[in-house]
Amino acid sequence: MENILKLDIFFFITSVSIIITTVILIIAGFYFIRMMRNLSKISDKLKRAADGVESNIEEISEVVKESPIFTFIFGKKKSKKNKNS
């Protein structure tokens, strides 16, 4: 009889611990999914910002190359001639 009582207590404690562990894992999974969504949004914003910076740098580069001071210091870009003619 004492063994059956010990088994009942063991199974009760095991069941409660499994339920608590499952609830903790569900909560942790919920927060993990929220964190991944936020990380995805942040990476999208960074990608858009990097694309914007890239286009701005290209525009600034063109303006600098066309400026009189740049052409005075480095000279004009020489065009290549066709050797076929």
PDB file of N, CA and C in Angstrom:
ATOM      1  N   MET A   1       0.819  -1.198   0.000  1.00  0.00           N
ATOM      2  CA  MET A   1       0.000   0.000   0.000  1.00  0.00           C
ATOM      3  C   MET A   1       0.859   1.256   0.000  1.00  0.00           C
ATOM      4  N   GLU A   2       1.953   1.181   0.737  1.00  0.00           N
ATOM      5  CA  GLU A   2       2.837   2.342   0.825  1.00  0.00           C
ATOM      6  C   GLU A   2       3.485   2.631  -0.530  1.00  0.00           C
ATOM      7  N   ASN A   3       3.788   1.593  -1.292  1.00  0.00           N
ATOM      8  CA  ASN A   3       4.388   1.766  -2.616  1.00  0.00           C
ATOM      9  C   ASN A   3       3.420   2.470  -3.575  1.00  0.00           C
ATOM     10  N   ILE A   4       2.148   2.122  -3.519  1.00  0.00           N
ATOM     11  CA  ILE A   4       1.144   2.753  -4.377  1.00  0.00           C
ATOM     12  C   ILE A   4       1.013   4.224  -4.032  1.00  0.00           C
ATOM     13  N   LEU A   5       1.053   4.569  -2.752  1.00  0.00           N
ATOM     14  CA  LEU A   5       0.975   5.962  -2.334  1.00  0.00           C
ATOM     15  C   LEU A   5       2.195   6.735  -2.827  1.00  0.00           C
ATOM     16  N   LYS A   6       3.369   6.131  -2.749  1.00  0.00           N
ATOM     17  CA  LYS A   6       4.593   6.776  -3.244  1.00  0.00           C
ATOM     18  C   LYS A   6       4.515   6.974  -4.761  1.00  0.00           C
ATOM     19  N   LEU A   7       3.962   5.984  -5.486  1.00  0.00           N
ATOM     20  CA  LEU A   7       3.806   6.118  -6.929  1.00  0.00           C
ATOM     21  C   LEU A   7       2.835   7.228  -7.282  1.00  0.00           C
ATOM     22  N   ASP A   8       1.740   7.324  -6.544  1.00  0.00           N
ATOM     23  CA  ASP A   8       0.770   8.398  -6.788  1.00  0.00           C
ATOM     24  C   ASP A   8       1.396   9.770  -6.571  1.00  0.00           C
ATOM     25  N   ILE A   9       2.172   9.923  -5.520  1.00  0.00           N
ATOM     26  CA  ILE A   9       2.851  11.194  -5.250  1.00  0.00           C
ATOM     27  C   ILE A   9       3.862  11.490  -6.352  1.00  0.00           C
ATOM     28  N   PHE A  10       4.622  10.471  -6.782  1.00  0.00           N
ATOM     29  CA  PHE A  10       5.600  10.655  -7.845  1.00  0.00           C
ATOM     30  C   PHE A  10       4.924  11.104  -9.141  1.00  0.00           C
ATOM     31  N   PHE A  11       3.849  10.434  -9.528  1.00  0.00           N
ATOM     32  CA  PHE A  11       3.159  10.793 -10.768  1.00  0.00           C
ATOM     33  C   PHE A  11       2.512  12.175 -10.667  1.00  0.00           C
ATOM     34  N   PHE A  12       2.007  12.543  -9.519  1.00  0.00           N
ATOM     35  CA  PHE A  12       1.435  13.875  -9.333  1.00  0.00           C
ATOM     36  C   PHE A  12       2.507  14.951  -9.487  1.00  0.00           C
ATOM     37  N   ILE A  13       3.639  14.766  -8.821  1.00  0.00           N
ATOM     38  CA  ILE A  13       4.744  15.738  -8.907  1.00  0.00           C
ATOM     39  C   ILE A  13       5.274  15.805 -10.334  1.00  0.00           C
ATOM     40  N   THR A  14       5.405  14.669 -10.999  1.00  0.00           N
ATOM     41  CA  THR A  14       5.879  14.639 -12.383  1.00  0.00           C
ATOM     42  C   THR A  14       4.898  15.354 -13.305  1.00  0.00           C
ATOM     43  N   SER A  15       3.615  15.121 -13.123  1.00  0.00           N
ATOM     44  CA  SER A  15       2.602  15.776 -13.962  1.00  0.00           C
ATOM     45  C   SER A  15       2.623  17.284 -13.772  1.00  0.00           C
ATOM     46  N   VAL A  16       2.715  17.745 -12.553  1.00  0.00           N
ATOM     47  CA  VAL A  16       2.754  19.177 -12.285  1.00  0.00           C
ATOM     48  C   VAL A  16       4.014  19.796 -12.886  1.00  0.00           C
ATOM     49  N   SER A  17       5.144  19.131 -12.748  1.00  0.00           N
ATOM     50  CA  SER A  17       6.387  19.689 -13.296  1.00  0.00           C
ATOM     51  C   SER A  17       6.346  19.728 -14.823  1.00  0.00           C
ATOM     52  N   ILE A  18       5.746  18.729 -15.455  1.00  0.00           N
ATOM     53  CA  ILE A  18       5.627  18.739 -16.916  1.00  0.00           C
ATOM     54  C   ILE A  18       4.699  19.866 -17.362  1.00  0.00           C
ATOM     55  N   ILE A  19       3.607  20.090 -16.647  1.00  0.00           N
ATOM     56  CA  ILE A  19       2.686  21.187 -16.989  1.00  0.00           C
ATOM     57  C   ILE A  19       3.384  22.530 -16.833  1.00  0.00           C
ATOM     58  N   ILE A  20       4.115  22.716 -15.746  1.00  0.00           N
ATOM     59  CA  ILE A  20       4.833  23.985 -15.530  1.00  0.00           C
ATOM     60  C   ILE A  20       5.897  24.183 -16.603  1.00  0.00           C
ATOM     61  N   THR A  21       6.640  23.143 -16.938  1.00  0.00           N
ATOM     62  CA  THR A  21       7.667  23.240 -17.978  1.00  0.00           C
ATOM     63  C   THR A  21       7.054  23.579 -19.335  1.00  0.00           C
ATOM     64  N   THR A  22       5.913  22.974 -19.645  1.00  0.00           N
ATOM     65  CA  THR A  22       5.237  23.250 -20.907  1.00  0.00           C
ATOM     66  C   THR A  22       4.776  24.702 -20.972  1.00  0.00           C
ATOM     67  N   VAL A  23       4.211  25.215 -19.886  1.00  0.00           N
ATOM     68  CA  VAL A  23       3.760  26.616 -19.857  1.00  0.00           C
ATOM     69  C   VAL A  23       4.953  27.556 -20.027  1.00  0.00           C
ATOM     70  N   ILE A  24       6.049  27.263 -19.364  1.00  0.00           N
ATOM     71  CA  ILE A  24       7.247  28.106 -19.494  1.00  0.00           C
ATOM     72  C   ILE A  24       7.774  28.072 -20.927  1.00  0.00           C
ATOM     73  N   LEU A  25       7.795  26.898 -21.551  1.00  0.00           N
ATOM     74  CA  LEU A  25       8.262  26.796 -22.935  1.00  0.00           C
ATOM     75  C   LEU A  25       7.337  27.535 -23.899  1.00  0.00           C
ATOM     76  N   ILE A  26       6.039  27.495 -23.669  1.00  0.00           N
ATOM     77  CA  ILE A  26       5.096  28.226 -24.531  1.00  0.00           C
ATOM     78  C   ILE A  26       5.316  29.726 -24.400  1.00  0.00           C
ATOM     79  N   ILE A  27       5.496  30.208 -23.177  1.00  0.00           N
ATOM     80  CA  ILE A  27       5.747  31.643 -22.966  1.00  0.00           C
ATOM     81  C   ILE A  27       7.070  32.052 -23.611  1.00  0.00           C
ATOM     82  N   ALA A  28       8.116  31.229 -23.425  1.00  0.00           N
ATOM     83  CA  ALA A  28       9.414  31.535 -24.032  1.00  0.00           C
ATOM     84  C   ALA A  28       9.313  31.528 -25.555  1.00  0.00           C
ATOM     85  N   GLY A  29       8.556  30.586 -26.116  1.00  0.00           N
ATOM     86  CA  GLY A  29       8.357  30.553 -27.566  1.00  0.00           C
ATOM     87  C   GLY A  29       7.635  31.782 -28.075  1.00  0.00           C
ATOM     88  N   PHE A  30       6.633  32.239 -27.338  1.00  0.00           N
ATOM     89  CA  PHE A  30       5.906  33.452 -27.708  1.00  0.00           C
ATOM     90  C   PHE A  30       6.842  34.652 -27.768  1.00  0.00           C
ATOM     91  N   TYR A  31       7.663  34.823 -26.723  1.00  0.00           N
ATOM     92  CA  TYR A  31       8.596  35.950 -26.714  1.00  0.00           C
ATOM     93  C   TYR A  31       9.678  35.799 -27.780  1.00  0.00           C
ATOM     94  N   PHE A  32      10.097  34.580 -28.069  1.00  0.00           N
ATOM     95  CA  PHE A  32      11.092  34.342 -29.117  1.00  0.00           C
ATOM     96  C   PHE A  32      10.538  34.738 -30.480  1.00  0.00           C
ATOM     97  N   ILE A  33       9.277  34.388 -30.752  1.00  0.00           N
ATOM     98  CA  ILE A  33       8.652  34.763 -32.023  1.00  0.00           C
ATOM     99  C   ILE A  33       8.533  36.273 -32.128  1.00  0.00           C
ATOM    100  N   ARG A  34       8.129  36.943 -31.049  1.00  0.00           N
ATOM    101  CA  ARG A  34       8.053  38.411 -31.069  1.00  0.00           C
ATOM    102  C   ARG A  34       9.416  39.032 -31.321  1.00  0.00           C
ATOM    103  N   MET A  35      10.451  38.474 -30.700  1.00  0.00           N
ATOM    104  CA  MET A  35      11.806  38.987 -30.875  1.00  0.00           C
ATOM    105  C   MET A  35      12.262  38.816 -32.318  1.00  0.00           C
ATOM    106  N   MET A  36      11.971  37.684 -32.938  1.00  0.00           N
ATOM    107  CA  MET A  36      12.352  37.450 -34.330  1.00  0.00           C
ATOM    108  C   MET A  36      11.606  38.392 -35.280  1.00  0.00           C
ATOM    109  N   ARG A  37      10.339  38.672 -35.001  1.00  0.00           N
ATOM    110  CA  ARG A  37       9.594  39.622 -35.834  1.00  0.00           C
ATOM    111  C   ARG A  37      10.204  41.015 -35.739  1.00  0.00           C
ATOM    112  N   ASN A  38      10.546  41.441 -34.517  1.00  0.00           N
ATOM    113  CA  ASN A  38      11.178  42.747 -34.348  1.00  0.00           C
ATOM    114  C   ASN A  38      12.533  42.800 -35.050  1.00  0.00           C
ATOM    115  N   LEU A  39      13.284  41.733 -34.954  1.00  0.00           N
ATOM    116  CA  LEU A  39      14.585  41.675 -35.616  1.00  0.00           C
ATOM    117  C   LEU A  39      14.424  41.760 -37.124  1.00  0.00           C
ATOM    118  N   SER A  40      13.395  41.122 -37.649  1.00  0.00           N
ATOM    119  CA  SER A  40      13.129  41.177 -39.083  1.00  0.00           C
ATOM    120  C   SER A  40      12.769  42.603 -39.509  1.00  0.00           C
ATOM    121  N   LYS A  41      11.937  43.277 -38.722  1.00  0.00           N
ATOM    122  CA  LYS A  41      11.567  44.662 -39.039  1.00  0.00           C
ATOM    123  C   LYS A  41      12.787  45.573 -38.989  1.00  0.00           C
ATOM    124  N   ILE A  42      13.630  45.379 -37.989  1.00  0.00           N
ATOM    125  CA  ILE A  42      14.838  46.205 -37.866  1.00  0.00           C
ATOM    126  C   ILE A  42      15.768  45.971 -39.042  1.00  0.00           C
ATOM    127  N   SER A  43      15.948  44.729 -39.456  1.00  0.00           N
ATOM    128  CA  SER A  43      16.842  44.451 -40.589  1.00  0.00           C
ATOM    129  C   SER A  43      16.273  45.020 -41.886  1.00  0.00           C
ATOM    130  N   ASP A  44      14.942  45.016 -42.045  1.00  0.00           N
ATOM    131  CA  ASP A  44      14.340  45.639 -43.230  1.00  0.00           C
ATOM    132  C   ASP A  44      14.604  47.138 -43.249  1.00  0.00           C
ATOM    133  N   LYS A  45      14.454  47.794 -42.095  1.00  0.00           N
ATOM    134  CA  LYS A  45      14.718  49.234 -42.019  1.00  0.00           C
ATOM    135  C   LYS A  45      16.181  49.537 -42.322  1.00  0.00           C
ATOM    136  N   LEU A  46      17.088  48.722 -41.794  1.00  0.00           N
ATOM    137  CA  LEU A  46      18.512  48.930 -42.060  1.00  0.00           C
ATOM    138  C   LEU A  46      18.832  48.732 -43.536  1.00  0.00           C
ATOM    139  N   LYS A  47      18.199  47.751 -44.161  1.00  0.00           N
ATOM    140  CA  LYS A  47      18.436  47.511 -45.593  1.00  0.00           C
ATOM    141  C   LYS A  47      17.958  48.696 -46.414  1.00  0.00           C
ATOM    142  N   ARG A  48      16.754  49.214 -46.087  1.00  0.00           N
ATOM    143  CA  ARG A  48      16.255  50.383 -46.825  1.00  0.00           C
ATOM    144  C   ARG A  48      17.159  51.590 -46.617  1.00  0.00           C
ATOM    145  N   ALA A  49      17.646  51.776 -45.386  1.00  0.00           N
ATOM    146  CA  ALA A  49      18.543  52.902 -45.108  1.00  0.00           C
ATOM    147  C   ALA A  49      19.856  52.746 -45.863  1.00  0.00           C
ATOM    148  N   ALA A  50      20.384  51.529 -45.921  1.00  0.00           N
ATOM    149  CA  ALA A  50      21.640  51.289 -46.637  1.00  0.00           C
ATOM    150  C   ALA A  50      21.457  51.538 -48.132  1.00  0.00           C
ATOM    151  N   ASP A  51      20.303  51.137 -48.685  1.00  0.00           N
ATOM    152  CA  ASP A  51      20.038  51.397 -50.102  1.00  0.00           C
ATOM    153  C   ASP A  51      19.954  52.899 -50.369  1.00  0.00           C
ATOM    154  N   GLY A  52      19.331  53.626 -49.459  1.00  0.00           N
ATOM    155  CA  GLY A  52      19.243  55.082 -49.601  1.00  0.00           C
ATOM    156  C   GLY A  52      20.604  55.738 -49.535  1.00  0.00           C
ATOM    157  N   VAL A  53      21.438  55.272 -48.621  1.00  0.00           N
ATOM    158  CA  VAL A  53      22.783  55.827 -48.482  1.00  0.00           C
ATOM    159  C   VAL A  53      23.598  55.532 -49.737  1.00  0.00           C
ATOM    160  N   GLU A  54      23.434  54.347 -50.286  1.00  0.00           N
ATOM    161  CA  GLU A  54      24.172  53.972 -51.495  1.00  0.00           C
ATOM    162  C   GLU A  54      23.833  54.903 -52.655  1.00  0.00           C
ATOM    163  N   SER A  55      22.547  55.187 -52.829  1.00  0.00           N
ATOM    164  CA  SER A  55      22.162  56.078 -53.927  1.00  0.00           C
ATOM    165  C   SER A  55      22.650  57.500 -53.666  1.00  0.00           C
ATOM    166  N   ASN A  56      22.621  57.934 -52.408  1.00  0.00           N
ATOM    167  CA  ASN A  56      23.129  59.271 -52.079  1.00  0.00           C
ATOM    168  C   ASN A  56      24.624  59.371 -52.345  1.00  0.00           C
ATOM    169  N   ILE A  57      25.362  58.337 -52.020  1.00  0.00           N
ATOM    170  CA  ILE A  57      26.805  58.348 -52.252  1.00  0.00           C
ATOM    171  C   ILE A  57      27.102  58.400 -53.751  1.00  0.00           C
ATOM    172  N   GLU A  58      26.325  57.670 -54.550  1.00  0.00           N
ATOM    173  CA  GLU A  58      26.520  57.712 -56.000  1.00  0.00           C
ATOM    174  C   GLU A  58      26.250  59.111 -56.548  1.00  0.00           C
ATOM    175  N   GLU A  59      25.196  59.769 -56.054  1.00  0.00           N
ATOM    176  CA  GLU A  59      24.887  61.128 -56.495  1.00  0.00           C
ATOM    177  C   GLU A  59      25.999  62.100 -56.102  1.00  0.00           C
ATOM    178  N   ILE A  60      26.475  61.987 -54.874  1.00  0.00           N
ATOM    179  CA  ILE A  60      27.550  62.871 -54.405  1.00  0.00           C
ATOM    180  C   ILE A  60      28.813  62.622 -55.216  1.00  0.00           C
ATOM    181  N   SER A  61      29.092  61.382 -55.527  1.00  0.00           N
ATOM    182  CA  SER A  61      30.260  61.039 -56.315  1.00  0.00           C
ATOM    183  C   SER A  61      30.203  61.685 -57.698  1.00  0.00           C
ATOM    184  N   GLU A  62      29.031  61.650 -58.325  1.00  0.00           N
ATOM    185  CA  GLU A  62      28.879  62.281 -59.638  1.00  0.00           C
ATOM    186  C   GLU A  62      29.062  63.789 -59.550  1.00  0.00           C
ATOM    187  N   VAL A  63      28.497  64.409 -58.512  1.00  0.00           N
ATOM    188  CA  VAL A  63      28.624  65.862 -58.348  1.00  0.00           C
ATOM    189  C   VAL A  63      30.083  66.243 -58.142  1.00  0.00           C
ATOM    190  N   VAL A  64      30.797  65.462 -57.329  1.00  0.00           N
ATOM    191  CA  VAL A  64      32.210  65.764 -57.063  1.00  0.00           C
ATOM    192  C   VAL A  64      33.039  65.589 -58.328  1.00  0.00           C
ATOM    193  N   LYS A  65      32.768  64.544 -59.103  1.00  0.00           N
ATOM    194  CA  LYS A  65      33.532  64.304 -60.331  1.00  0.00           C
ATOM    195  C   LYS A  65      33.296  65.399 -61.365  1.00  0.00           C
ATOM    196  N   GLU A  66      32.126  66.007 -61.357  1.00  0.00           N
ATOM    197  CA  GLU A  66      31.814  67.066 -62.312  1.00  0.00           C
ATOM    198  C   GLU A  66      32.225  68.455 -61.820  1.00  0.00           C
ATOM    199  N   SER A  67      32.683  68.566 -60.574  1.00  0.00           N
ATOM    200  CA  SER A  67      33.039  69.878 -60.039  1.00  0.00           C
ATOM    201  C   SER A  67      34.333  70.386 -60.675  1.00  0.00           C
ATOM    202  N   PRO A  68      34.448  71.706 -60.816  1.00  0.00           N
ATOM    203  CA  PRO A  68      35.645  72.285 -61.446  1.00  0.00           C
ATOM    204  C   PRO A  68      36.930  72.019 -60.661  1.00  0.00           C
ATOM    205  N   ILE A  69      36.844  71.989 -59.369  1.00  0.00           N
ATOM    206  CA  ILE A  69      38.048  71.748 -58.561  1.00  0.00           C
ATOM    207  C   ILE A  69      38.567  70.332 -58.799  1.00  0.00           C
ATOM    208  N   PHE A  70      37.667  69.365 -58.865  1.00  0.00           N
ATOM    209  CA  PHE A  70      38.066  67.970 -59.108  1.00  0.00           C
ATOM    210  C   PHE A  70      38.723  67.829 -60.476  1.00  0.00           C
ATOM    211  N   THR A  71      38.113  68.427 -61.502  1.00  0.00           N
ATOM    212  CA  THR A  71      38.692  68.319 -62.848  1.00  0.00           C
ATOM    213  C   THR A  71      40.012  69.077 -62.939  1.00  0.00           C
ATOM    214  N   PHE A  72      40.161  70.164 -62.155  1.00  0.00           N
ATOM    215  CA  PHE A  72      41.420  70.903 -62.147  1.00  0.00           C
ATOM    216  C   PHE A  72      42.528  70.058 -61.531  1.00  0.00           C
ATOM    217  N   ILE A  73      42.222  69.383 -60.431  1.00  0.00           N
ATOM    218  CA  ILE A  73      43.242  68.604 -59.727  1.00  0.00           C
ATOM    219  C   ILE A  73      43.542  67.293 -60.451  1.00  0.00           C
ATOM    220  N   PHE A  74      42.532  66.567 -60.876  1.00  0.00           N
ATOM    221  CA  PHE A  74      42.730  65.235 -61.444  1.00  0.00           C
ATOM    222  C   PHE A  74      42.600  65.185 -62.958  1.00  0.00           C
ATOM    223  N   GLY A  75      42.144  66.231 -63.585  1.00  0.00           N
ATOM    224  CA  GLY A  75      41.986  66.241 -65.028  1.00  0.00           C
ATOM    225  C   GLY A  75      40.691  65.568 -65.447  1.00  0.00           C
ATOM    226  N   LYS A  76      40.361  65.696 -66.733  1.00  0.00           N
ATOM    227  CA  LYS A  76      39.133  65.093 -67.242  1.00  0.00           C
ATOM    228  C   LYS A  76      39.367  63.628 -67.553  1.00  0.00           C
ATOM    229  N   LYS A  77      38.310  62.873 -67.534  1.00  0.00           N
ATOM    230  CA  LYS A  77      38.368  61.465 -67.845  1.00  0.00           C
ATOM    231  C   LYS A  77      38.557  61.302 -69.353  1.00  0.00           C
ATOM    232  N   LYS A  78      39.575  60.543 -69.733  1.00  0.00           N
ATOM    233  CA  LYS A  78      39.862  60.356 -71.157  1.00  0.00           C
ATOM    234  C   LYS A  78      38.972  59.246 -71.698  1.00  0.00           C
ATOM    235  N   SER A  79      38.420  59.493 -72.891  1.00  0.00           N
ATOM    236  CA  SER A  79      37.588  58.452 -73.500  1.00  0.00           C
ATOM    237  C   SER A  79      38.471  57.540 -74.345  1.00  0.00           C
ATOM    238  N   LYS A  80      38.129  56.277 -74.403  1.00  0.00           N
ATOM    239  CA  LYS A  80      38.889  55.304 -75.173  1.00  0.00           C
ATOM    240  C   LYS A  80      38.437  55.348 -76.632  1.00  0.00           C
ATOM    241  N   LYS A  81      39.388  55.267 -77.541  1.00  0.00           N
ATOM    242  CA  LYS A  81      39.072  55.269 -78.966  1.00  0.00           C
ATOM    243  C   LYS A  81      38.966  53.848 -79.466  1.00  0.00           C
ATOM    244  N   ASN A  82      38.116  53.643 -80.463  1.00  0.00           N
ATOM    245  CA  ASN A  82      37.981  52.321 -81.083  1.00  0.00           C
ATOM    246  C   ASN A  82      39.182  52.053 -81.982  1.00  0.00           C
ATOM    247  N   LYS A  83      39.781  50.894 -81.890  1.00  0.00           N
ATOM    248  CA  LYS A  83      40.921  50.541 -82.736  1.00  0.00           C
ATOM    249  C   LYS A  83      40.448  49.913 -84.039  1.00  0.00           C
ATOM    250  N   ASN A  84      39.157  49.639 -84.185  1.00  0.00           N
ATOM    251  CA  ASN A  84      38.630  49.020 -85.396  1.00  0.00           C
ATOM    252  C   ASN A  84      38.525  49.984 -86.546  1.00  0.00           C
ATOM    253  N   SER A  85      38.468  51.283 -86.312  1.00  0.00           N
ATOM    254  CA  SER A  85      38.281  52.213 -87.423  1.00  0.00           C
ATOM    255  C   SER A  85      39.542  52.636 -88.087  1.00  0.00           C
TER     256      SER A  85
END
